[in-house]
Each structure stands twice: as C-alpha cells, then as structure tokens.
Amino acid sequence: MASGSVNLPPGFCFSPTDEELILHFLYPKASLPSHPNIIPELDLSLLLPWELNGKALSSGNQHYFFTKGKENRSTENGYWKEIEVTKPIVSSSDDKVGIKKYLVFNLGEAPQGTETTWVMQEYHISSSGFNTASCGSTRGRRKSDQNRSKWVLCRVYEKKRSQSQQGVSCYSDEDDSGTELSWLDEFYMSLDDDLEEIISLPN
C-alpha cells in the first residue's frame, strides 16, 4: 500500500456485488473504525474524478473509496449532482441492507455546470433494515447510527457510449426516429428493467 492506495496484482480483479460492498466493506468500516480495509479514505472535495487512479482502489476503469457522508459534493472545478435515482440494496435473505444513489460529475459552478460522462454510485447503510446484536443498548444504537451516517462508499467510473457498465444495458446512440440520445438519457432508460425488478421484490 502506497499513499493510502492499493494496487492489485496483475490478473486480479476487484468486482464485488452491491450486497458485498455494503456487508463486507461499508458495514465493518462504519461499525469498527479501526477495522483494516483495502479501500482507502479520500476527501471527495479535493479530487476530480480523473485524478482517482492511483489514489482510490482501482480495478479496471472503476475506482472505490470511502468518504465522509455530506450533502456538499463540490470540488474546486466542479460538483457531483444527484440524478434522483436511488436503488435499495437487498441481501440474499431479503433484508434491506443499504441504498445506492447515482451522481454525475459536472464541470463549473452549480447549477450551470457542464455534464461529463463520469458517474458515481454512492452506497449508504440502511438506517432501519439491518441491525446487529452489538447495538443492544439505546446508547449503543445511537452511537452506532451516528457512526454509520459518517461514512459512505463510492464507486466512480466513466460511462462509455455503446459499452455496458455495472450491468447497465447498452443502447444505440440513436433511436428509431434518428434523434440522438445523450448518454444520460440512455442511462435513465437502462434503469427501467432494474426498477421493475426492485418493484417486484417481496416486502
């Protein structure tokens, strides 16, 4: 490990599922601050997305890191804008263990920034759907809840046209009418199937 980053050996690929990111990385980070973790802590406000390589845990074109949970996602030259897509993360035992938010990096000052192709998936622990025996007392639960909201886990990647990313289906740059679609329009369209699956999940 150098400068807080981790370089995977040749041939190794870090490709965890959403559930694994929550249960095996984010939850231990939030519950046990001293727990060793291969994913580094970064200050999101100090880095542009294309500067993450070598600082975050990088696998292919995906960059993983922890950051403090906060509403302000601005950097010196831009800001991360939520696109109002939130997906629940459900475990194999049908427990809601977390949520995933989507953000897009914009250059310039809000709200007149210029949209880029950089996407961030922001993982949060569910505040109500996952409890542990170690949080038995009211005081313990309060302290744990405060610590949980302190950290989020981020996965950042650059969205490529006509290329699958994180299970997102590929769409042609043009629809049947010949009208060109922006990559963000394609991204929203590709979420339809995911949202239908979420709606069909048992409560």
N, C-alpha and C. Protein backbone atom coordinates (compact mmCIF):
# COMPACT_ATOMS: atom_id res chain seq x y z
N MET A 1 0.85 -1.20 0.00
CA MET A 1 0.00 0.00 0.00
C MET A 1 0.88 1.24 0.00
N ALA A 2 0.64 2.15 -0.92
CA ALA A 2 1.42 3.38 -1.01
C ALA A 2 0.48 4.57 -1.09
N SER A 3 0.75 5.57 -0.22
CA SER A 3 -0.05 6.79 -0.20
C SER A 3 -1.54 6.50 -0.03
N GLY A 4 -1.84 5.46 0.76
CA GLY A 4 -3.24 5.15 1.04
C GLY A 4 -3.95 4.42 -0.07
N SER A 5 -3.25 4.09 -1.16
CA SER A 5 -3.90 3.40 -2.27
C SER A 5 -3.46 1.95 -2.32
N VAL A 6 -4.21 1.14 -3.03
CA VAL A 6 -3.91 -0.27 -3.16
C VAL A 6 -3.79 -0.61 -4.64
N ASN A 7 -2.71 -1.26 -5.01
CA ASN A 7 -2.53 -1.71 -6.39
C ASN A 7 -2.73 -3.21 -6.44
N LEU A 8 -3.71 -3.66 -7.20
CA LEU A 8 -3.98 -5.09 -7.31
C LEU A 8 -2.92 -5.75 -8.19
N PRO A 9 -2.49 -6.96 -7.84
CA PRO A 9 -1.51 -7.67 -8.68
C PRO A 9 -2.09 -7.95 -10.07
N PRO A 10 -1.26 -8.13 -11.07
CA PRO A 10 -1.76 -8.43 -12.42
C PRO A 10 -2.63 -9.68 -12.40
N GLY A 11 -3.75 -9.60 -13.09
CA GLY A 11 -4.65 -10.74 -13.16
C GLY A 11 -5.75 -10.72 -12.12
N PHE A 12 -5.61 -9.88 -11.09
CA PHE A 12 -6.64 -9.81 -10.06
C PHE A 12 -7.65 -8.72 -10.41
N CYS A 13 -8.90 -9.01 -10.19
CA CYS A 13 -9.98 -8.05 -10.47
C CYS A 13 -10.86 -7.90 -9.24
N PHE A 14 -11.04 -6.69 -8.77
CA PHE A 14 -11.90 -6.39 -7.64
C PHE A 14 -13.28 -6.06 -8.21
N SER A 15 -14.22 -6.98 -8.05
CA SER A 15 -15.54 -6.81 -8.66
C SER A 15 -16.64 -7.29 -7.72
N PRO A 16 -16.81 -6.63 -6.57
CA PRO A 16 -17.83 -7.06 -5.60
C PRO A 16 -19.23 -6.67 -6.04
N THR A 17 -20.21 -7.41 -5.54
CA THR A 17 -21.62 -7.04 -5.78
C THR A 17 -21.99 -5.90 -4.85
N ASP A 18 -23.16 -5.31 -5.09
CA ASP A 18 -23.65 -4.25 -4.21
C ASP A 18 -23.79 -4.75 -2.78
N GLU A 19 -24.33 -5.96 -2.63
CA GLU A 19 -24.50 -6.52 -1.29
C GLU A 19 -23.15 -6.72 -0.60
N GLU A 20 -22.16 -7.19 -1.33
CA GLU A 20 -20.83 -7.40 -0.74
C GLU A 20 -20.19 -6.08 -0.34
N LEU A 21 -20.37 -5.04 -1.14
CA LEU A 21 -19.82 -3.72 -0.78
C LEU A 21 -20.40 -3.22 0.54
N ILE A 22 -21.70 -3.44 0.73
CA ILE A 22 -22.35 -2.98 1.95
C ILE A 22 -21.93 -3.83 3.15
N LEU A 23 -22.10 -5.15 3.05
CA LEU A 23 -21.91 -6.03 4.20
C LEU A 23 -20.45 -6.29 4.55
N HIS A 24 -19.57 -6.37 3.56
CA HIS A 24 -18.20 -6.76 3.82
C HIS A 24 -17.21 -5.59 3.84
N PHE A 25 -17.65 -4.42 3.39
CA PHE A 25 -16.74 -3.27 3.38
C PHE A 25 -17.31 -2.07 4.12
N LEU A 26 -18.51 -1.60 3.74
CA LEU A 26 -19.05 -0.40 4.36
C LEU A 26 -19.49 -0.65 5.81
N TYR A 27 -20.18 -1.77 6.05
CA TYR A 27 -20.64 -2.02 7.42
C TYR A 27 -19.48 -2.18 8.41
N PRO A 28 -18.44 -2.97 8.11
CA PRO A 28 -17.30 -3.03 9.04
C PRO A 28 -16.63 -1.67 9.23
N LYS A 29 -16.57 -0.87 8.17
CA LYS A 29 -15.96 0.45 8.26
C LYS A 29 -16.75 1.32 9.22
N ALA A 30 -18.09 1.27 9.14
CA ALA A 30 -18.93 2.10 9.98
C ALA A 30 -18.99 1.59 11.41
N SER A 31 -18.91 0.28 11.59
CA SER A 31 -19.06 -0.31 12.93
C SER A 31 -17.74 -0.33 13.70
N LEU A 32 -16.65 -0.58 12.98
CA LEU A 32 -15.34 -0.71 13.62
C LEU A 32 -14.36 0.22 12.93
N PRO A 33 -14.21 1.46 13.45
CA PRO A 33 -13.34 2.44 12.78
C PRO A 33 -11.91 1.96 12.58
N SER A 34 -11.42 1.04 13.44
CA SER A 34 -10.05 0.58 13.32
C SER A 34 -9.92 -0.67 12.45
N HIS A 35 -11.06 -1.12 11.90
CA HIS A 35 -11.04 -2.33 11.09
C HIS A 35 -10.21 -2.11 9.84
N PRO A 36 -9.23 -2.98 9.57
CA PRO A 36 -8.39 -2.79 8.37
C PRO A 36 -9.22 -2.95 7.10
N ASN A 37 -8.94 -2.14 6.11
CA ASN A 37 -9.72 -2.16 4.89
C ASN A 37 -8.82 -1.83 3.71
N ILE A 38 -9.00 -2.56 2.61
CA ILE A 38 -8.18 -2.30 1.43
C ILE A 38 -8.67 -1.08 0.66
N ILE A 39 -9.87 -0.59 0.98
CA ILE A 39 -10.42 0.59 0.31
C ILE A 39 -10.00 1.83 1.09
N PRO A 40 -9.33 2.78 0.48
CA PRO A 40 -8.82 3.96 1.20
C PRO A 40 -9.89 5.01 1.47
N GLU A 41 -9.56 5.93 2.37
CA GLU A 41 -10.41 7.09 2.66
C GLU A 41 -9.90 8.27 1.85
N LEU A 42 -10.81 8.96 1.16
CA LEU A 42 -10.44 10.13 0.38
C LEU A 42 -11.40 11.27 0.65
N ASP A 43 -10.90 12.49 0.50
CA ASP A 43 -11.74 13.68 0.59
C ASP A 43 -12.22 14.00 -0.83
N LEU A 44 -13.51 13.78 -1.07
CA LEU A 44 -14.05 13.93 -2.41
C LEU A 44 -13.91 15.35 -2.94
N SER A 45 -13.91 16.33 -2.05
CA SER A 45 -13.86 17.73 -2.49
C SER A 45 -12.48 18.12 -3.01
N LEU A 46 -11.47 17.28 -2.78
CA LEU A 46 -10.11 17.62 -3.20
C LEU A 46 -9.69 16.94 -4.49
N LEU A 47 -10.57 16.08 -5.04
CA LEU A 47 -10.17 15.29 -6.20
C LEU A 47 -11.19 15.39 -7.33
N LEU A 48 -10.69 15.52 -8.55
CA LEU A 48 -11.53 15.39 -9.73
C LEU A 48 -11.61 13.89 -10.08
N PRO A 49 -12.67 13.45 -10.73
CA PRO A 49 -12.82 12.01 -10.95
C PRO A 49 -11.68 11.38 -11.72
N TRP A 50 -11.08 12.08 -12.68
CA TRP A 50 -9.98 11.51 -13.46
C TRP A 50 -8.66 11.54 -12.69
N GLU A 51 -8.66 12.05 -11.45
CA GLU A 51 -7.47 12.03 -10.60
C GLU A 51 -7.50 10.89 -9.59
N LEU A 52 -8.55 10.06 -9.64
CA LEU A 52 -8.70 9.00 -8.64
C LEU A 52 -7.74 7.83 -8.86
N ASN A 53 -7.32 7.60 -10.09
CA ASN A 53 -6.42 6.49 -10.38
C ASN A 53 -5.11 6.67 -9.64
N GLY A 54 -4.73 5.66 -8.84
CA GLY A 54 -3.53 5.75 -8.03
C GLY A 54 -3.79 6.22 -6.62
N LYS A 55 -5.00 6.76 -6.38
CA LYS A 55 -5.37 7.20 -5.03
C LYS A 55 -6.47 6.33 -4.45
N ALA A 56 -7.45 5.96 -5.28
CA ALA A 56 -8.51 5.05 -4.85
C ALA A 56 -8.07 3.61 -5.12
N LEU A 57 -8.87 2.65 -4.65
CA LEU A 57 -8.67 1.25 -5.04
C LEU A 57 -9.25 1.10 -6.44
N SER A 58 -8.40 0.91 -7.43
CA SER A 58 -8.84 0.88 -8.82
C SER A 58 -8.79 -0.53 -9.37
N SER A 59 -9.85 -0.90 -10.08
CA SER A 59 -9.92 -2.19 -10.75
C SER A 59 -10.52 -1.94 -12.12
N GLY A 60 -9.70 -2.05 -13.15
CA GLY A 60 -10.16 -1.66 -14.48
C GLY A 60 -10.41 -0.16 -14.51
N ASN A 61 -11.60 0.23 -14.96
CA ASN A 61 -11.93 1.66 -15.00
C ASN A 61 -12.80 2.08 -13.82
N GLN A 62 -12.86 1.26 -12.78
CA GLN A 62 -13.69 1.56 -11.62
C GLN A 62 -12.80 1.90 -10.43
N HIS A 63 -13.21 2.92 -9.67
CA HIS A 63 -12.42 3.41 -8.55
C HIS A 63 -13.28 3.40 -7.29
N TYR A 64 -12.78 2.77 -6.23
CA TYR A 64 -13.52 2.61 -4.98
C TYR A 64 -12.82 3.38 -3.87
N PHE A 65 -13.61 4.06 -3.03
CA PHE A 65 -13.05 4.76 -1.88
C PHE A 65 -14.15 5.09 -0.88
N PHE A 66 -13.74 5.33 0.36
CA PHE A 66 -14.65 5.82 1.39
C PHE A 66 -14.53 7.32 1.48
N THR A 67 -15.62 7.98 1.80
CA THR A 67 -15.59 9.41 2.07
C THR A 67 -16.62 9.73 3.13
N LYS A 68 -16.50 10.88 3.75
CA LYS A 68 -17.44 11.28 4.78
C LYS A 68 -18.78 11.61 4.14
N GLY A 69 -19.85 11.19 4.77
CA GLY A 69 -21.18 11.48 4.27
C GLY A 69 -21.50 12.95 4.46
N LYS A 70 -21.85 13.62 3.38
CA LYS A 70 -22.20 15.04 3.45
C LYS A 70 -22.99 15.42 2.22
N GLU A 71 -23.71 16.52 2.32
CA GLU A 71 -24.53 16.95 1.19
C GLU A 71 -23.71 17.67 0.13
N ASN A 72 -22.67 18.39 0.54
CA ASN A 72 -21.88 19.17 -0.41
C ASN A 72 -20.90 18.26 -1.14
N ARG A 73 -21.08 18.14 -2.44
CA ARG A 73 -20.20 17.31 -3.25
C ARG A 73 -19.45 18.17 -4.26
N SER A 74 -19.04 19.35 -3.85
CA SER A 74 -18.36 20.28 -4.76
C SER A 74 -16.85 20.11 -4.68
N THR A 75 -16.20 20.32 -5.82
CA THR A 75 -14.74 20.36 -5.89
C THR A 75 -14.33 21.75 -6.37
N GLU A 76 -13.05 21.93 -6.54
CA GLU A 76 -12.56 23.24 -6.98
C GLU A 76 -13.05 23.58 -8.38
N ASN A 77 -13.22 22.58 -9.23
CA ASN A 77 -13.56 22.83 -10.63
C ASN A 77 -14.91 22.26 -11.05
N GLY A 78 -15.69 21.74 -10.11
CA GLY A 78 -16.97 21.16 -10.49
C GLY A 78 -17.74 20.64 -9.29
N TYR A 79 -18.73 19.79 -9.55
CA TYR A 79 -19.56 19.27 -8.46
C TYR A 79 -20.25 17.99 -8.92
N TRP A 80 -20.57 17.15 -7.95
CA TRP A 80 -21.33 15.92 -8.20
C TRP A 80 -22.80 16.20 -8.00
N LYS A 81 -23.59 15.91 -9.01
CA LYS A 81 -25.02 16.20 -8.98
C LYS A 81 -25.81 14.89 -8.93
N GLU A 82 -26.70 14.78 -7.93
CA GLU A 82 -27.56 13.61 -7.85
C GLU A 82 -28.56 13.62 -9.00
N ILE A 83 -28.85 12.46 -9.56
CA ILE A 83 -29.79 12.37 -10.68
C ILE A 83 -31.11 11.74 -10.22
N GLU A 84 -31.35 11.78 -8.91
CA GLU A 84 -32.63 11.37 -8.33
C GLU A 84 -32.98 9.93 -8.68
N VAL A 85 -31.97 9.08 -8.68
CA VAL A 85 -32.18 7.64 -8.83
C VAL A 85 -31.59 6.97 -7.59
N THR A 86 -32.44 6.35 -6.79
CA THR A 86 -32.00 5.66 -5.59
C THR A 86 -32.50 4.22 -5.64
N LYS A 87 -31.59 3.27 -5.48
CA LYS A 87 -31.95 1.86 -5.54
C LYS A 87 -31.69 1.19 -4.19
N PRO A 88 -32.65 0.42 -3.67
CA PRO A 88 -32.39 -0.33 -2.45
C PRO A 88 -31.46 -1.49 -2.73
N ILE A 89 -30.64 -1.84 -1.75
CA ILE A 89 -29.77 -2.99 -1.85
C ILE A 89 -30.30 -4.05 -0.89
N VAL A 90 -30.70 -5.17 -1.45
CA VAL A 90 -31.35 -6.24 -0.68
C VAL A 90 -30.42 -7.44 -0.60
N SER A 91 -30.31 -8.02 0.60
CA SER A 91 -29.43 -9.17 0.80
C SER A 91 -30.09 -10.44 0.28
N SER A 92 -29.33 -11.52 0.28
CA SER A 92 -29.86 -12.82 -0.17
C SER A 92 -30.97 -13.32 0.74
N SER A 93 -31.04 -12.78 1.97
CA SER A 93 -32.12 -13.15 2.88
C SER A 93 -33.28 -12.15 2.85
N ASP A 94 -33.33 -11.31 1.81
CA ASP A 94 -34.40 -10.34 1.57
C ASP A 94 -34.44 -9.22 2.61
N ASP A 95 -33.31 -8.93 3.26
CA ASP A 95 -33.22 -7.79 4.16
C ASP A 95 -32.68 -6.59 3.38
N LYS A 96 -33.26 -5.42 3.62
CA LYS A 96 -32.74 -4.21 3.01
C LYS A 96 -31.53 -3.76 3.82
N VAL A 97 -30.35 -3.88 3.23
CA VAL A 97 -29.12 -3.59 3.96
C VAL A 97 -28.53 -2.23 3.61
N GLY A 98 -29.01 -1.61 2.54
CA GLY A 98 -28.47 -0.32 2.16
C GLY A 98 -29.18 0.28 0.98
N ILE A 99 -28.70 1.43 0.54
CA ILE A 99 -29.22 2.09 -0.66
C ILE A 99 -28.05 2.56 -1.51
N LYS A 100 -28.33 2.72 -2.80
CA LYS A 100 -27.32 3.22 -3.73
C LYS A 100 -27.87 4.43 -4.46
N LYS A 101 -27.12 5.53 -4.43
CA LYS A 101 -27.50 6.74 -5.13
C LYS A 101 -26.57 6.95 -6.32
N TYR A 102 -27.10 7.59 -7.36
CA TYR A 102 -26.33 7.86 -8.57
C TYR A 102 -26.07 9.36 -8.68
N LEU A 103 -24.83 9.71 -9.00
CA LEU A 103 -24.45 11.11 -9.21
C LEU A 103 -23.63 11.23 -10.49
N VAL A 104 -23.70 12.40 -11.11
CA VAL A 104 -22.94 12.68 -12.33
C VAL A 104 -22.07 13.90 -12.07
N PHE A 105 -20.82 13.85 -12.53
CA PHE A 105 -19.91 14.97 -12.32
C PHE A 105 -20.14 16.06 -13.36
N ASN A 106 -20.26 17.30 -12.88
CA ASN A 106 -20.44 18.46 -13.76
C ASN A 106 -19.27 19.42 -13.55
N LEU A 107 -18.73 19.92 -14.65
CA LEU A 107 -17.68 20.94 -14.59
C LEU A 107 -18.31 22.31 -14.44
N GLY A 108 -17.67 23.20 -13.67
CA GLY A 108 -18.19 24.54 -13.49
C GLY A 108 -18.97 24.67 -12.19
N GLU A 109 -19.70 25.76 -12.06
CA GLU A 109 -20.45 26.03 -10.85
C GLU A 109 -21.92 25.65 -11.02
N ALA A 110 -22.50 25.13 -9.95
CA ALA A 110 -23.92 24.77 -9.97
C ALA A 110 -24.77 26.04 -10.03
N PRO A 111 -25.92 26.02 -10.70
CA PRO A 111 -26.46 24.87 -11.44
C PRO A 111 -26.16 24.91 -12.95
N GLN A 112 -25.22 25.78 -13.36
CA GLN A 112 -24.94 25.92 -14.80
C GLN A 112 -23.75 25.09 -15.26
N GLY A 113 -23.43 24.04 -14.54
CA GLY A 113 -22.27 23.23 -14.90
C GLY A 113 -22.47 22.44 -16.18
N THR A 114 -21.37 21.98 -16.73
CA THR A 114 -21.39 21.16 -17.94
C THR A 114 -21.27 19.69 -17.57
N GLU A 115 -22.23 18.90 -17.97
CA GLU A 115 -22.26 17.48 -17.62
C GLU A 115 -21.12 16.71 -18.27
N THR A 116 -20.49 15.83 -17.50
CA THR A 116 -19.45 14.97 -18.04
C THR A 116 -19.97 13.53 -18.08
N THR A 117 -19.12 12.61 -18.49
CA THR A 117 -19.52 11.20 -18.56
C THR A 117 -19.07 10.43 -17.32
N TRP A 118 -18.67 11.13 -16.27
CA TRP A 118 -18.22 10.47 -15.04
C TRP A 118 -19.41 10.25 -14.11
N VAL A 119 -19.56 9.01 -13.66
CA VAL A 119 -20.68 8.60 -12.82
C VAL A 119 -20.16 8.12 -11.47
N MET A 120 -20.90 8.42 -10.42
CA MET A 120 -20.56 7.90 -9.11
C MET A 120 -21.76 7.18 -8.51
N GLN A 121 -21.52 5.97 -8.03
CA GLN A 121 -22.51 5.24 -7.25
C GLN A 121 -22.12 5.39 -5.79
N GLU A 122 -23.04 5.92 -4.99
CA GLU A 122 -22.76 6.22 -3.59
C GLU A 122 -23.56 5.25 -2.72
N TYR A 123 -22.87 4.46 -1.90
CA TYR A 123 -23.50 3.43 -1.09
C TYR A 123 -23.68 3.90 0.35
N HIS A 124 -24.90 3.70 0.87
CA HIS A 124 -25.23 4.06 2.24
C HIS A 124 -25.79 2.85 2.96
N ILE A 125 -25.49 2.73 4.25
CA ILE A 125 -26.09 1.66 5.05
C ILE A 125 -27.53 2.02 5.36
N SER A 126 -28.40 1.03 5.30
CA SER A 126 -29.81 1.24 5.63
C SER A 126 -29.93 1.58 7.10
N SER A 127 -30.72 2.62 7.42
CA SER A 127 -30.87 3.05 8.81
C SER A 127 -31.85 2.20 9.59
N SER A 128 -32.67 1.41 8.88
CA SER A 128 -33.72 0.66 9.59
C SER A 128 -33.76 -0.82 9.28
N GLY A 129 -33.12 -1.23 8.17
CA GLY A 129 -33.30 -2.61 7.74
C GLY A 129 -32.24 -3.59 8.19
N PHE A 130 -31.21 -3.12 8.95
CA PHE A 130 -30.14 -4.04 9.30
C PHE A 130 -29.62 -3.68 10.67
N ASN A 131 -29.72 -4.61 11.61
CA ASN A 131 -29.26 -4.39 12.97
C ASN A 131 -28.33 -5.51 13.38
N THR A 132 -27.52 -5.25 14.40
CA THR A 132 -26.63 -6.28 14.92
C THR A 132 -26.79 -6.38 16.42
N ALA A 133 -26.40 -7.52 16.98
CA ALA A 133 -26.53 -7.74 18.42
C ALA A 133 -25.63 -6.82 19.21
N SER A 134 -24.57 -6.31 18.58
CA SER A 134 -23.64 -5.45 19.30
C SER A 134 -24.25 -4.09 19.62
N CYS A 135 -25.41 -3.79 19.05
CA CYS A 135 -26.05 -2.49 19.28
C CYS A 135 -27.27 -2.70 20.18
N GLY A 136 -27.09 -3.42 21.27
CA GLY A 136 -28.22 -3.78 22.11
C GLY A 136 -28.80 -2.63 22.89
N SER A 137 -27.96 -1.78 23.48
CA SER A 137 -28.47 -0.70 24.31
C SER A 137 -28.86 0.49 23.47
N THR A 138 -29.71 1.34 24.07
CA THR A 138 -30.14 2.55 23.36
C THR A 138 -28.95 3.44 23.07
N ARG A 139 -28.05 3.55 24.05
CA ARG A 139 -26.86 4.38 23.86
C ARG A 139 -25.98 3.82 22.76
N GLY A 140 -25.84 2.45 22.76
CA GLY A 140 -25.03 1.81 21.74
C GLY A 140 -25.61 2.00 20.36
N ARG A 141 -26.95 1.90 20.23
CA ARG A 141 -27.60 2.08 18.94
C ARG A 141 -27.42 3.50 18.43
N ARG A 142 -27.54 4.47 19.36
CA ARG A 142 -27.41 5.87 18.95
C ARG A 142 -26.00 6.14 18.43
N LYS A 143 -25.00 5.64 19.16
CA LYS A 143 -23.61 5.84 18.74
C LYS A 143 -23.34 5.15 17.41
N SER A 144 -23.88 3.93 17.25
CA SER A 144 -23.69 3.19 16.01
C SER A 144 -24.35 3.90 14.84
N ASP A 145 -25.59 4.40 15.03
CA ASP A 145 -26.29 5.09 13.96
C ASP A 145 -25.53 6.34 13.53
N GLN A 146 -24.95 7.07 14.51
CA GLN A 146 -24.19 8.26 14.17
C GLN A 146 -22.95 7.90 13.36
N ASN A 147 -22.30 6.80 13.74
CA ASN A 147 -21.09 6.38 13.03
C ASN A 147 -21.42 5.86 11.64
N ARG A 148 -22.58 5.19 11.49
CA ARG A 148 -22.99 4.68 10.19
C ARG A 148 -23.19 5.81 9.19
N SER A 149 -23.80 6.90 9.64
CA SER A 149 -24.08 8.01 8.73
C SER A 149 -22.82 8.80 8.40
N LYS A 150 -21.73 8.51 9.09
CA LYS A 150 -20.49 9.25 8.89
C LYS A 150 -19.80 8.87 7.59
N TRP A 151 -19.91 7.60 7.19
CA TRP A 151 -19.18 7.10 6.03
C TRP A 151 -20.10 6.65 4.91
N VAL A 152 -19.67 6.88 3.69
CA VAL A 152 -20.30 6.30 2.51
C VAL A 152 -19.19 5.67 1.68
N LEU A 153 -19.57 4.70 0.87
CA LEU A 153 -18.61 4.04 -0.02
C LEU A 153 -18.95 4.46 -1.45
N CYS A 154 -17.96 4.87 -2.19
CA CYS A 154 -18.19 5.39 -3.55
C CYS A 154 -17.52 4.49 -4.59
N ARG A 155 -18.23 4.30 -5.70
CA ARG A 155 -17.66 3.63 -6.87
C ARG A 155 -17.80 4.61 -8.04
N VAL A 156 -16.69 5.02 -8.61
CA VAL A 156 -16.67 6.02 -9.68
C VAL A 156 -16.15 5.37 -10.96
N TYR A 157 -16.79 5.67 -12.07
CA TYR A 157 -16.34 5.17 -13.37
C TYR A 157 -16.78 6.14 -14.45
N GLU A 158 -16.14 6.05 -15.61
CA GLU A 158 -16.51 6.90 -16.74
C GLU A 158 -17.42 6.12 -17.66
N LYS A 159 -18.60 6.65 -17.92
CA LYS A 159 -19.59 6.00 -18.77
C LYS A 159 -19.17 6.12 -20.23
N LYS A 160 -19.10 4.98 -20.89
CA LYS A 160 -18.75 4.96 -22.31
C LYS A 160 -19.99 4.68 -23.13
N ARG A 161 -20.12 5.32 -24.26
CA ARG A 161 -21.23 5.02 -25.17
C ARG A 161 -21.06 3.60 -25.71
N SER A 162 -22.20 2.93 -25.91
CA SER A 162 -22.22 1.59 -26.50
C SER A 162 -21.34 0.61 -25.73
N GLN A 163 -21.27 0.81 -24.41
CA GLN A 163 -20.47 -0.10 -23.59
C GLN A 163 -21.21 -0.37 -22.30
N SER A 164 -21.30 -1.63 -21.88
CA SER A 164 -22.00 -2.00 -20.66
C SER A 164 -21.19 -1.59 -19.45
N GLN A 165 -21.85 -0.99 -18.45
CA GLN A 165 -21.22 -0.60 -17.20
C GLN A 165 -22.09 -1.03 -16.05
N GLN A 166 -21.55 -1.82 -15.11
CA GLN A 166 -22.26 -2.21 -13.91
C GLN A 166 -23.62 -2.82 -14.20
N GLY A 167 -23.69 -3.64 -15.23
CA GLY A 167 -24.96 -4.29 -15.54
C GLY A 167 -25.94 -3.40 -16.28
N VAL A 168 -25.51 -2.20 -16.68
CA VAL A 168 -26.38 -1.29 -17.43
C VAL A 168 -26.37 -1.70 -18.89
N SER A 169 -27.52 -1.89 -19.47
CA SER A 169 -27.62 -2.36 -20.84
C SER A 169 -27.13 -1.30 -21.81
N CYS A 170 -26.63 -1.76 -22.95
CA CYS A 170 -26.15 -0.84 -23.98
C CYS A 170 -27.31 -0.40 -24.87
N TYR A 171 -27.26 0.85 -25.28
CA TYR A 171 -28.24 1.36 -26.22
C TYR A 171 -27.52 2.05 -27.37
N SER A 172 -28.12 2.06 -28.50
CA SER A 172 -27.56 2.77 -29.64
C SER A 172 -27.58 4.26 -29.39
N ASP A 173 -26.65 4.98 -30.00
CA ASP A 173 -26.62 6.43 -29.84
C ASP A 173 -27.82 7.10 -30.47
N GLU A 174 -28.52 6.40 -31.33
CA GLU A 174 -29.68 6.98 -31.98
C GLU A 174 -30.87 6.06 -31.80
N ASP A 175 -32.06 6.68 -31.62
CA ASP A 175 -33.27 5.88 -31.51
C ASP A 175 -33.87 5.68 -32.90
N ASP A 176 -35.06 5.08 -32.98
CA ASP A 176 -35.66 4.76 -34.27
C ASP A 176 -35.96 5.99 -35.10
N SER A 177 -36.18 7.13 -34.45
CA SER A 177 -36.52 8.34 -35.19
C SER A 177 -35.29 9.07 -35.70
N GLY A 178 -34.11 8.55 -35.33
CA GLY A 178 -32.89 9.21 -35.77
C GLY A 178 -32.45 10.32 -34.84
N THR A 179 -33.17 10.52 -33.72
CA THR A 179 -32.81 11.55 -32.77
C THR A 179 -31.71 11.04 -31.86
N GLU A 180 -30.64 11.79 -31.73
CA GLU A 180 -29.52 11.36 -30.90
C GLU A 180 -29.87 11.47 -29.43
N LEU A 181 -29.55 10.45 -28.68
CA LEU A 181 -29.80 10.44 -27.25
C LEU A 181 -28.51 10.77 -26.50
N SER A 182 -28.61 11.56 -25.45
CA SER A 182 -27.45 11.80 -24.61
C SER A 182 -27.17 10.53 -23.82
N TRP A 183 -25.93 10.40 -23.34
CA TRP A 183 -25.59 9.19 -22.57
C TRP A 183 -26.43 9.11 -21.31
N LEU A 184 -26.83 10.28 -20.74
CA LEU A 184 -27.63 10.27 -19.53
C LEU A 184 -29.05 9.78 -19.81
N ASP A 185 -29.60 10.15 -21.00
CA ASP A 185 -30.91 9.61 -21.41
C ASP A 185 -30.83 8.09 -21.52
N GLU A 186 -29.74 7.62 -22.12
CA GLU A 186 -29.56 6.17 -22.25
C GLU A 186 -29.45 5.52 -20.88
N PHE A 187 -28.78 6.21 -19.97
CA PHE A 187 -28.59 5.69 -18.61
C PHE A 187 -29.93 5.54 -17.91
N TYR A 188 -30.78 6.57 -18.00
CA TYR A 188 -32.11 6.50 -17.40
C TYR A 188 -32.92 5.36 -18.00
N MET A 189 -32.85 5.21 -19.33
CA MET A 189 -33.60 4.15 -19.99
C MET A 189 -33.14 2.77 -19.51
N SER A 190 -31.84 2.65 -19.29
CA SER A 190 -31.30 1.35 -18.90
C SER A 190 -31.69 0.97 -17.49
N LEU A 191 -32.13 1.94 -16.69
CA LEU A 191 -32.54 1.65 -15.31
C LEU A 191 -33.96 1.10 -15.23
N ASP A 192 -34.73 1.19 -16.31
CA ASP A 192 -36.12 0.75 -16.27
C ASP A 192 -36.24 -0.70 -15.83
N ASP A 193 -35.42 -1.59 -16.41
CA ASP A 193 -35.50 -3.00 -16.06
C ASP A 193 -35.12 -3.22 -14.61
N ASP A 194 -34.10 -2.49 -14.13
CA ASP A 194 -33.69 -2.63 -12.74
C ASP A 194 -34.80 -2.21 -11.80
N LEU A 195 -35.48 -1.11 -12.12
CA LEU A 195 -36.53 -0.60 -11.25
C LEU A 195 -37.73 -1.56 -11.23
N GLU A 196 -38.01 -2.17 -12.39
CA GLU A 196 -39.10 -3.16 -12.42
C GLU A 196 -38.79 -4.35 -11.52
N GLU A 197 -37.51 -4.77 -11.51
CA GLU A 197 -37.10 -5.87 -10.64
C GLU A 197 -37.25 -5.49 -9.18
N ILE A 198 -36.90 -4.23 -8.84
CA ILE A 198 -37.00 -3.77 -7.46
C ILE A 198 -38.44 -3.74 -7.01
N ILE A 199 -39.32 -3.24 -7.87
CA ILE A 199 -40.75 -3.16 -7.52
C ILE A 199 -41.33 -4.54 -7.28
N SER A 200 -40.82 -5.54 -8.02
CA SER A 200 -41.36 -6.89 -7.91
C SER A 200 -40.81 -7.65 -6.71
N LEU A 201 -39.79 -7.06 -6.00
CA LEU A 201 -39.22 -7.76 -4.85
C LEU A 201 -40.24 -7.86 -3.73
N PRO A 202 -40.24 -8.97 -2.96
CA PRO A 202 -41.18 -9.11 -1.83
C PRO A 202 -40.84 -8.13 -0.73
N ASN A 203 -41.86 -7.62 -0.03
CA ASN A 203 -41.62 -6.66 1.03
C ASN A 203 -41.09 -7.35 2.28
